[in-house]
Protein backbone atom coordinates (compact mmCIF):
# COMPACT_ATOMS: atom_id res chain seq x y z
CA MET A 1 98.86 125.25 67.27
CA SER A 2 101.08 122.57 65.68
CA GLY A 3 100.29 118.90 65.42
CA ARG A 4 103.09 118.25 67.78
CA ILE A 5 101.78 120.32 70.46
CA ARG A 6 98.25 118.96 70.06
CA VAL A 7 99.57 115.55 70.59
CA ARG A 8 101.37 116.60 73.73
CA PHE A 9 98.30 118.16 75.35
CA LEU A 10 95.40 116.55 73.70
CA ASP A 11 96.35 112.79 73.21
CA THR A 12 92.93 111.10 72.96
CA ARG A 13 94.19 107.61 71.99
CA PRO A 14 93.17 105.94 75.30
CA LEU A 15 89.64 107.17 74.73
CA ARG A 16 89.60 105.86 71.11
CA GLY A 17 91.38 102.74 71.64
CA SER A 18 90.18 101.17 75.02
CA GLN A 19 86.45 100.80 75.78
CA PRO A 20 87.17 100.04 79.44
CA PHE A 21 89.22 103.11 79.91
CA ARG A 22 86.59 105.29 78.11
CA ASP A 23 83.85 103.82 80.37
CA LEU A 24 86.02 104.57 83.39
CA TRP A 25 86.97 108.02 82.22
CA ILE A 26 83.30 108.93 81.45
CA GLY A 27 82.10 107.52 84.89
CA THR A 28 84.84 109.24 86.72
CA SER A 29 84.48 112.65 84.99
CA VAL A 30 80.82 112.76 85.68
CA SER A 31 81.00 111.69 89.30
CA GLN A 32 83.71 114.29 89.82
CA LEU A 33 81.30 116.96 88.57
CA GLY A 34 78.66 115.81 90.86
CA GLY A 35 81.11 115.72 93.80
CA GLN A 36 82.08 119.32 93.23
CA ILE A 37 78.55 120.22 93.30
CA ALA A 38 77.86 118.39 96.46
CA ASN A 39 80.98 119.93 98.07
CA VAL A 40 79.53 123.41 97.54
CA ALA A 41 76.16 122.20 98.85
CA VAL A 42 77.54 120.86 102.00
CA LEU A 43 79.63 123.94 102.63
CA ALA A 44 76.62 126.18 102.16
CA GLN A 45 74.25 123.99 104.04
CA VAL A 46 76.54 123.92 107.10
CA TRP A 47 76.89 127.67 106.94
CA ASP A 48 73.23 127.95 106.77
CA LEU A 49 72.60 125.62 109.77
CA THR A 50 75.46 127.20 112.08
CA GLY A 51 76.41 130.59 110.57
CA SER A 52 79.91 129.75 112.05
CA THR A 53 83.34 129.16 110.63
CA VAL A 54 83.81 126.61 113.29
CA GLY A 55 80.87 124.72 111.60
CA THR A 56 82.44 125.18 108.11
CA GLY A 57 85.78 124.13 109.52
CA ALA A 58 84.19 121.06 111.03
CA ILE A 59 83.67 119.71 107.36
CA GLY A 60 87.49 119.45 107.10
CA LEU A 61 87.58 117.57 110.32
CA ALA A 62 84.80 115.13 109.09
CA THR A 63 86.63 114.43 105.94
CA GLY A 64 90.35 114.76 106.97
CA LEU A 65 90.27 112.21 109.84
CA PRO A 66 88.54 109.34 108.00
CA MET A 67 90.86 110.07 105.02
CA MET A 68 93.89 109.61 107.25
CA LEU A 69 92.75 106.39 108.62
CA PHE A 70 90.89 104.74 105.78
CA GLY A 71 93.23 105.89 103.06
CA LEU A 72 96.13 103.82 104.36
CA ILE A 73 93.77 100.85 104.84
CA GLY A 74 92.55 101.35 101.18
CA GLY A 75 96.13 101.17 100.05
CA ALA A 76 96.73 97.88 101.73
CA LEU A 77 93.51 96.43 100.38
CA ALA A 78 94.40 97.48 96.92
CA ASP A 79 97.50 95.18 97.14
CA THR A 80 95.50 92.21 98.25
CA VAL A 81 92.05 91.97 96.70
CA ASP A 82 90.47 92.33 93.28
CA ARG A 83 90.60 96.10 92.78
CA ARG A 84 87.52 96.41 90.52
CA ALA A 85 85.48 94.50 93.26
CA LEU A 86 86.97 97.01 95.92
CA VAL A 87 86.13 100.10 93.81
CA ARG A 88 82.70 98.68 92.80
CA ALA A 89 81.73 98.30 96.50
CA THR A 90 83.24 101.58 97.68
CA THR A 91 81.51 103.46 94.75
CA THR A 92 78.21 101.91 95.64
CA GLY A 93 78.69 103.01 99.16
CA GLN A 94 79.24 106.58 97.98
CA LEU A 95 76.05 106.34 95.87
CA LEU A 96 74.08 105.18 98.96
CA VAL A 97 75.41 108.24 100.95
CA ALA A 98 74.56 110.62 98.12
CA ALA A 99 71.04 109.29 98.31
CA LEU A 100 71.03 109.96 102.07
CA LEU A 101 72.30 113.50 101.61
CA PHE A 102 69.53 114.03 99.20
CA ALA A 103 67.04 112.65 101.65
CA GLN A 104 68.16 114.84 104.62
CA ALA A 105 68.09 117.86 102.44
CA LEU A 106 64.49 116.93 101.31
CA ALA A 107 63.40 116.58 104.90
CA HIS A 108 64.80 119.96 105.68
CA ASN A 109 67.32 118.54 108.31
CA ARG A 110 68.38 121.04 110.94
CA ASN A 111 70.95 118.82 112.60
CA VAL A 112 74.48 119.69 111.48
CA LEU A 113 75.92 116.59 113.29
CA LEU A 114 73.83 114.36 111.06
CA LEU A 115 75.08 116.19 107.96
CA LEU A 116 78.74 115.99 109.02
CA ALA A 117 78.26 112.26 109.84
CA LEU A 118 77.16 111.55 106.33
CA VAL A 119 80.15 113.69 104.90
CA ALA A 120 82.43 111.46 107.05
CA LEU A 121 80.74 108.28 105.78
CA ALA A 122 81.19 109.32 102.20
CA THR A 123 84.86 110.07 102.80
CA VAL A 124 85.29 106.60 104.26
CA PHE A 125 84.11 104.97 101.08
CA SER A 126 86.18 107.34 98.96
CA ALA A 127 89.30 106.82 100.93
CA LEU A 128 89.02 102.95 100.78
CA GLY A 129 88.54 102.95 96.97
CA ALA A 130 90.88 105.72 95.82
CA PRO A 131 94.30 103.85 95.97
CA ALA A 132 92.78 101.06 93.95
CA ARG A 133 91.25 103.40 91.46
CA ARG A 134 94.57 105.08 90.90
CA THR A 135 95.90 101.85 89.49
CA PHE A 136 93.23 101.36 86.74
CA PRO A 137 94.79 103.22 83.86
CA VAL A 138 98.11 101.33 84.17
CA ARG A 139 96.20 98.06 83.87
CA LEU A 140 93.62 99.25 81.13
CA LEU A 141 96.06 100.84 78.69
CA PRO A 142 99.16 99.95 76.61
CA GLY A 143 102.38 101.16 78.14
CA ASP A 144 102.73 103.91 75.67
CA GLN A 145 99.35 105.39 76.27
CA VAL A 146 99.42 105.37 80.26
CA ALA A 147 100.71 108.92 80.48
CA ALA A 148 97.98 110.05 77.93
CA GLY A 149 95.31 108.33 79.99
CA LEU A 150 96.51 109.89 83.34
CA ALA A 151 96.65 113.34 81.52
CA LEU A 152 93.00 112.88 80.37
CA THR A 153 92.05 112.03 83.83
CA ASN A 154 93.65 115.15 85.29
CA VAL A 155 91.90 117.23 82.60
CA SER A 156 88.46 116.03 83.59
CA PHE A 157 89.22 116.75 87.28
CA GLN A 158 90.21 120.33 86.53
CA ALA A 159 87.18 120.82 84.37
CA ALA A 160 85.00 119.56 87.16
CA MET A 161 86.74 121.94 89.55
CA LEU A 162 85.99 124.75 87.12
CA ALA A 163 82.38 124.00 86.26
CA GLY A 164 81.14 122.22 89.37
CA PRO A 165 81.19 125.09 92.01
CA ALA A 166 79.72 127.61 89.61
CA LEU A 167 77.06 125.21 88.55
CA ALA A 168 76.42 124.32 92.13
CA GLY A 169 75.92 128.05 93.01
CA LEU A 170 73.21 128.31 90.18
CA ILE A 171 71.42 125.11 91.28
CA ILE A 172 71.31 126.03 94.95
CA ALA A 173 70.14 129.59 94.20
CA ARG A 174 67.19 128.31 92.09
CA TRP A 175 66.30 124.89 93.42
CA ASP A 176 68.02 124.77 96.96
CA PHE A 177 70.10 121.91 98.46
CA PRO A 178 68.02 118.75 97.44
CA ALA A 179 68.58 119.41 93.78
CA ALA A 180 72.31 119.69 94.32
CA TYR A 181 72.53 116.34 96.23
CA GLY A 182 70.12 114.81 93.77
CA VAL A 183 72.60 115.68 90.83
CA GLN A 184 75.39 114.03 92.84
CA ALA A 185 73.37 110.82 93.38
CA VAL A 186 72.57 110.57 89.64
CA THR A 187 76.41 111.10 88.75
CA MET A 188 77.36 108.47 91.25
CA ALA A 189 74.99 106.06 89.63
CA VAL A 190 76.73 106.61 86.31
CA SER A 191 80.14 105.97 87.97
CA VAL A 192 78.76 102.60 89.48
CA LEU A 193 77.71 101.44 86.03
CA ALA A 194 81.07 102.36 84.59
CA VAL A 195 82.95 100.30 87.22
CA ILE A 196 80.68 97.36 86.77
CA ARG A 197 81.70 97.21 83.10
CA LEU A 198 85.47 97.02 83.88
CA PRO A 199 87.45 93.69 83.74
CA ALA A 200 88.58 92.04 86.98
CA MET A 201 91.88 93.41 88.18
CA ARG A 202 93.58 91.33 90.86
CA PRO A 203 97.09 92.52 92.01
CA GLU A 204 99.81 91.16 89.88
CA GLY A 205 102.71 89.09 91.34
CA GLY A 206 104.22 89.77 94.71
CA GLY A 207 104.62 93.45 94.45
CA GLY A 208 108.31 93.27 93.82
CA PRO A 209 109.91 95.60 91.35
CA GLU A 210 109.81 93.08 88.52
CA THR A 211 106.08 92.79 88.55
CA THR A 212 104.94 96.40 88.74
CA ALA A 213 104.48 98.75 85.73
CA GLY A 214 107.05 101.41 85.42
CA GLY A 215 109.91 102.02 87.85
CA GLY A 216 112.76 100.87 85.62
CA GLY A 217 115.46 101.79 87.90
CA TRP A 218 114.08 99.65 90.71
CA ARG A 219 113.66 96.81 88.38
CA ARG A 220 117.34 96.84 87.76
CA LEU A 221 117.86 96.47 91.59
CA ALA A 222 115.94 93.26 91.44
CA LYS A 223 118.38 92.00 88.88
CA GLY A 224 121.49 93.15 91.03
CA GLY A 225 122.09 96.53 89.31
CA ALA A 226 123.10 99.72 90.90
CA SER A 227 120.98 101.55 93.28
CA GLY A 228 117.88 103.59 92.26
CA PRO A 229 117.53 107.14 91.26
CA SER A 230 117.68 108.65 94.80
CA ARG A 231 119.05 112.30 94.98
CA GLY A 232 119.88 112.46 98.57
CA GLY A 233 118.66 110.25 101.33
CA ARG A 234 119.47 106.62 102.17
CA ARG A 235 118.96 103.85 99.50
CA LEU A 236 117.19 100.66 100.12
CA SER A 237 117.60 97.77 97.74
CA ALA A 238 114.71 96.02 96.15
CA ARG A 239 115.67 92.83 97.99
CA GLY A 240 115.40 94.52 101.31
CA ALA A 241 112.13 96.15 100.27
CA ARG A 242 110.60 92.58 99.46
CA ARG A 243 112.07 91.21 102.77
CA ARG A 244 110.37 93.88 104.94
CA PRO A 245 107.21 94.88 103.22
CA GLU A 246 105.28 95.13 106.42
CA ARG A 247 107.29 98.27 107.32
CA GLY A 248 105.23 100.20 104.76
CA GLY A 249 105.58 103.44 103.05
CA TRP A 250 106.24 105.69 105.98
CA ARG A 251 109.59 104.12 106.61
CA ILE A 252 110.78 105.17 103.11
CA VAL A 253 109.35 108.67 103.39
CA LEU A 254 111.12 109.33 106.69
CA ARG A 255 114.41 107.91 105.42
CA ARG A 256 114.59 110.03 102.33
CA PRO A 257 114.96 113.83 102.81
CA THR A 258 113.59 114.50 99.32
CA LEU A 259 110.40 112.53 100.13
CA TRP A 260 109.66 113.91 103.62
CA GLY A 261 110.70 117.34 102.59
CA SER A 262 108.32 117.34 99.62
CA MET A 263 105.50 116.01 101.57
CA ALA A 264 106.22 118.48 104.57
CA THR A 265 106.06 121.30 102.05
CA ASP A 266 102.75 120.28 100.95
CA LEU A 267 101.49 119.65 104.45
CA ALA A 268 102.67 123.09 105.65
CA ALA A 269 100.94 124.91 102.79
CA THR A 270 97.67 123.19 103.10
CA LEU A 271 97.47 122.81 106.82
CA LEU A 272 98.35 126.35 107.55
CA ALA A 273 96.60 128.25 104.77
CA MET A 274 93.61 126.31 103.36
CA PRO A 275 90.89 128.97 102.76
CA VAL A 276 87.76 127.06 101.71
CA ALA A 277 86.05 126.94 105.14
CA LEU A 278 86.27 130.73 105.10
CA PHE A 279 84.69 131.22 101.87
CA PRO A 280 81.06 131.57 103.21
CA LEU A 281 81.99 134.23 105.84
CA VAL A 282 84.08 136.22 103.29
CA ASN A 283 81.24 136.03 100.86
CA GLU A 284 78.86 137.31 103.56
CA ILE A 285 80.85 140.15 104.89
CA ARG A 286 82.11 141.54 101.50
CA PHE A 287 79.84 140.32 98.81
CA GLY A 288 76.36 139.93 100.30
CA GLY A 289 76.22 136.17 100.79
CA ASN A 290 75.30 135.56 97.09
CA PRO A 291 75.55 131.73 96.36
CA ARG A 292 76.76 132.54 92.81
CA THR A 293 79.78 134.41 94.34
CA LEU A 294 80.45 131.47 96.63
CA GLY A 295 80.67 129.27 93.51
CA LEU A 296 82.95 131.81 91.79
CA PHE A 297 85.51 131.54 94.62
CA LEU A 298 85.87 127.80 94.07
CA SER A 299 85.86 128.19 90.28
CA ALA A 300 88.60 130.84 90.44
CA VAL A 301 90.86 128.19 92.08
CA ALA A 302 90.11 125.86 89.35
CA VAL A 303 90.70 128.60 86.57
CA GLY A 304 94.15 129.01 87.90
CA GLY A 305 94.68 125.23 88.20
CA ILE A 306 93.53 124.33 84.72
CA THR A 307 95.52 127.12 83.30
CA ALA A 308 98.72 125.90 84.95
CA GLY A 309 97.83 122.34 83.84
CA LEU A 310 97.63 123.36 80.16
CA LEU A 311 101.03 124.94 80.57
CA SER A 312 102.50 122.09 82.69
CA GLY A 313 104.68 120.95 79.82
CA THR A 314 106.86 123.91 80.51
CA VAL A 315 107.04 123.15 84.23
CA THR A 316 107.81 119.48 83.80
CA ARG A 317 110.87 120.38 81.68
CA TRP A 318 112.40 122.29 84.64
CA ARG A 319 114.61 119.84 86.27
CA ARG A 320 114.99 121.57 89.70
CA GLY A 321 111.76 119.95 90.83
CA GLY A 322 112.42 120.69 94.55
CA LEU A 323 112.87 124.30 94.11
CA VAL A 324 109.94 124.58 91.82
CA GLN A 325 107.72 122.98 94.41
CA LEU A 326 109.15 125.16 97.12
CA SER A 327 108.56 128.19 95.07
CA ALA A 328 105.09 127.31 94.08
CA ALA A 329 104.22 126.70 97.77
CA VAL A 330 105.49 130.21 98.67
CA VAL A 331 103.29 131.72 96.01
CA TRP A 332 100.36 129.91 97.28
CA GLY A 333 100.68 131.35 100.79
CA LEU A 334 101.23 134.92 99.38
CA ALA A 335 98.24 134.67 97.18
CA LEU A 336 95.95 133.48 99.93
CA ALA A 337 97.22 136.28 102.23
CA GLY A 338 96.39 138.56 99.35
CA PHE A 339 92.88 137.06 99.14
CA GLY A 340 92.42 137.89 102.87
CA LEU A 341 93.26 141.53 102.11
CA ALA A 342 91.49 141.92 98.83
CA GLY A 343 88.46 144.32 98.57
CA PRO A 344 87.17 144.23 95.07
CA LEU A 345 85.66 140.95 93.75
CA TRP A 346 88.01 140.82 90.77
CA LEU A 347 91.12 141.23 92.96
CA ALA A 348 89.78 138.41 95.30
CA LEU A 349 89.18 136.08 92.35
CA GLY A 350 92.64 136.92 90.88
CA CYS A 351 94.31 135.94 94.08
CA LEU A 352 92.42 132.70 94.23
CA ALA A 353 93.37 131.88 90.54
CA ALA A 354 97.04 132.65 91.45
CA ALA A 355 96.70 130.23 94.41
CA GLY A 356 95.19 127.52 92.19
CA ALA A 357 97.91 127.75 89.63
CA ALA A 358 100.56 127.53 92.29
CA ASP A 359 98.83 124.62 93.80
CA THR A 360 98.72 122.80 90.47
CA VAL A 361 102.53 123.40 89.76
CA SER A 362 103.34 122.04 93.31
CA VAL A 363 101.26 119.03 93.02
CA VAL A 364 102.69 118.06 89.54
CA THR A 365 106.37 118.48 90.76
CA ARG A 366 105.71 116.63 94.09
CA SER A 367 104.01 113.78 92.30
CA ALA A 368 106.99 113.39 89.75
CA LEU A 369 109.52 113.64 92.60
CA VAL A 370 107.70 110.78 94.63
CA GLN A 371 107.48 108.59 91.50
CA TRP A 372 111.33 108.93 90.85
CA GLU A 373 112.33 108.71 94.52
CA THR A 374 110.34 105.64 95.69
CA PRO A 375 111.43 102.12 95.25
CA ASP A 376 108.96 100.36 93.13
CA ALA A 377 108.24 97.62 95.68
CA TYR A 378 106.95 100.32 98.04
CA ARG A 379 105.45 102.77 95.36
CA GLY A 380 101.84 101.73 96.21
CA ARG A 381 102.18 102.37 99.84
CA VAL A 382 104.22 105.63 99.50
CA SER A 383 101.55 106.77 96.99
CA SER A 384 98.90 106.00 99.81
CA VAL A 385 100.87 108.21 102.17
CA GLU A 386 101.06 111.01 99.59
CA HIS A 387 97.37 110.66 98.99
CA VAL A 388 96.43 110.86 102.59
CA ILE A 389 98.65 114.07 103.09
CA GLY A 390 97.36 115.53 99.85
CA VAL A 391 93.69 115.14 100.87
CA ALA A 392 93.67 115.15 104.67
CA GLY A 393 95.95 118.04 104.92
CA PRO A 394 93.63 120.56 103.30
CA GLU A 395 90.65 119.36 105.12
CA LEU A 396 92.42 119.74 108.51
CA GLY A 397 93.68 123.01 107.28
CA ASN A 398 90.13 124.09 106.66
CA PHE A 399 89.28 123.07 110.34
CA ARG A 400 92.16 125.13 111.66
CA GLY A 401 91.21 128.16 109.62
CA GLY A 402 87.67 128.02 110.75
CA LEU A 403 88.60 127.83 114.54
CA LEU A 404 90.91 130.82 114.13
CA ALA A 405 88.53 132.96 112.19
CA SER A 406 85.88 132.19 114.78
CA ALA A 407 88.18 133.68 117.51
CA THR A 408 89.41 136.54 115.36
CA SER A 409 88.02 137.35 111.86
CA ALA A 410 88.18 135.72 108.40
CA PRO A 411 90.62 138.21 106.88
CA PHE A 412 92.96 137.84 109.91
CA SER A 413 92.91 134.04 109.67
CA LEU A 414 93.60 134.14 105.86
CA VAL A 415 96.56 136.57 106.25
CA LEU A 416 98.05 134.77 109.18
CA GLY A 417 97.61 131.39 107.54
CA GLY A 418 99.22 132.55 104.30
CA VAL A 419 102.21 134.18 106.02
CA SER A 420 102.57 131.15 108.45
CA ALA A 421 102.56 128.89 105.33
CA VAL A 422 105.29 130.84 103.70
CA LEU A 423 107.58 130.78 106.81
CA ALA A 424 107.06 127.16 107.26
CA VAL A 425 107.93 126.40 103.63
CA LEU A 426 111.08 128.61 103.83
CA ALA A 427 112.03 126.52 107.06
CA VAL A 428 111.76 123.40 105.09
CA ALA A 429 113.88 124.83 102.37
CA ALA A 430 116.46 126.05 104.68
CA THR A 431 116.74 122.71 106.57
CA ASN A 432 116.48 120.26 103.57
CA ALA A 433 119.44 120.67 101.20
CA PRO A 434 118.75 117.49 99.28
CA LEU A 435 115.16 118.80 98.42
CA ARG A 436 116.81 122.19 97.31
CA ALA A 437 119.35 120.49 95.15
CA TYR A 438 117.09 117.78 93.74
CA ARG A 439 117.05 117.42 89.97
CA THR A 440 114.53 115.37 88.00
CA PRO A 441 116.43 112.72 86.09
CA SER A 442 116.92 113.60 82.53
CA HIS A 443 115.72 111.40 79.65
CA ALA A 444 119.12 110.04 79.22
CA ASP A 445 119.33 109.13 82.84
CA ALA A 446 115.93 107.44 82.68
CA ASP A 447 116.87 105.51 79.48
CA ALA A 448 120.13 104.24 81.06
CA ASP A 449 118.25 103.31 84.27
CA ALA A 450 115.18 101.63 82.75
CA ASP A 451 115.15 98.23 80.69
CA ALA A 452 111.41 97.97 80.41
CA GLU A 453 108.64 100.32 79.92
CA PRO A 454 109.05 103.91 81.22
CA VAL A 455 107.84 105.25 84.63
CA PRO A 456 104.22 106.30 84.28
CA ALA A 457 103.49 110.12 84.43
CA PRO A 458 101.81 110.93 87.86
CA VAL A 459 98.35 112.33 88.20
CA PRO A 460 98.60 115.98 89.10
CA GLY A 461 95.86 117.00 91.71
CA PRO A 462 93.78 115.24 94.19
CA VAL A 463 91.94 111.92 93.37
CA PRO A 464 88.42 111.91 94.18
């Protein structure tokens, strides 16, 4: 591997040059691993208490609804208060909930409603802090290292997705649920210590294009230049954005076909075909209910995701971002339908790996499109909308899949969900010509449109 390729994929300058970022990265990486272990523990414990896909699907409801409400509130708070203080408070809240999860498991809790209530409370704290946490790398790193810092954050998330579920299966099989929740509590304590060490980070300026990192094209608007890099959809000047900030990100999303089409594609794929709530039932009817196999299901998705992430340099050079996202969403639906029909374990894991790879490609292209198509004065709030859709959609999709499986069967729910997702994505493609025709601005376009630092690369994948 050449030095040029190593720099592209393994640029560790942020870890070497910034102690605050290094603390943040370590704390976030450790807590992500603990969070993945806890996710498997919750899924397995709810299944143990209910033996029902309705119960496992209700996990999605307990996380999706709080995320939809409090994620948007968190986005507004991130623009008005000290972001470090906000993340410190919400991370401490997550630590307390992790301790309560450990306590209920140690006490052999048999009340599934109590468990779901704790899951919902943990989601409230996570949703309130996530938008502010997303702003940290831009504030902690020099402009030329922001992209590398975001890439390192994504690598740690994918690694946690890969190792966490498999490790959770081993922990639960040997030491049961209290050990899994105990590990999460310890990792959250590390995350709290990391956030405490960060400098204070109050929002800069008034949120206009000239005060926010990145977004060179919209900074030109503030100086009376041409309109921003919209490829289809109505344009809004930065002056108008500052004059009507109360209208929020939803207005921009609905006015731009590229934005609503991209987010509708993601919502269709996750709401109609999310498979995680069905994993325990599939594991029981086909593979004997072994906790290790349950962990392998989740790890297979991560294997596909991290593989696609390592090859994402190729994907990001394809300028037809709209078509790439639409195609990846179709592959996602087909792969999950295949998982519903798969008999051998190797084939089931292969289908899940393909779904994970398609999901990563879709997330990367969607995030880049959102960055380019959003006026800088609205980027925080539109990112909040994107975050809510990206997190709440899968959770509500799990609830939908669990309900359908309880009325029919897990294979039927998976196949119908996958096929329905494909049809819905094709409908978006057929009715949204700007998304189909969308081209990511070239380097020459970006250079001509920017007069300051470049637009930071987006974070692929959900933020914990």
